[in-house]
């Protein structure tokens, strides 16, 4: 299955993102093999930095390092995919500014919901940063439920357990991009969250 053939935005009207940087994962993946879905913030400005880009893209570098920090011993996104990890973003276009409007996250959460529905065996849903957390909450509220992750600081929220449609949800910090290398305390917590997800699906 090629995800980009199953999930797509026909509108591209959100005013605070760059539509020329629209990206949905184009990899072929066997849906039944995916056990961990990791959702980061937004697509990069440069398509060459995206998870599945050729060469040594930035998103791959930081994500592979995060998994290695957690003891996974991987060297590429391909290794992660082979271990049942699917990587995507909550917002499919790149940001224009530092933040992303709530309406944009809400609109794009429809695509994330569709993505999640493609993988019947997901056991761990990793929400890497506030945008991913908000996106899942919009999905849950749209279905008539309450928010999955309550308001609060992520370092406190990660101490509790959360579930969405039987899937364990891990609120964590953004691992995709240059800030990952800077914030050592967050890097440690990211590693702890990834290790917990890997134990869950082992």
Foldseek 3Di string as FASTA:
>chain_A
DFLPVQFDDPPPPFPFFDPVQFDDGGDDADQALAAEEEAFAEGAPDVCQDQPHPDCHQQFVLVVVLQVLLVNPDDGVVVVRVNRYHYYYLQRTHGPDDDGDLVRSLVSLVRVVSVVVSHPNHAEYEQAADSSQSSQQSVQVVVVHGRFQDDDDLVVSQVDWTDDPNHTYGYAHHRGDDCCVVDPVRSNVSSVRSNVSVVRVD
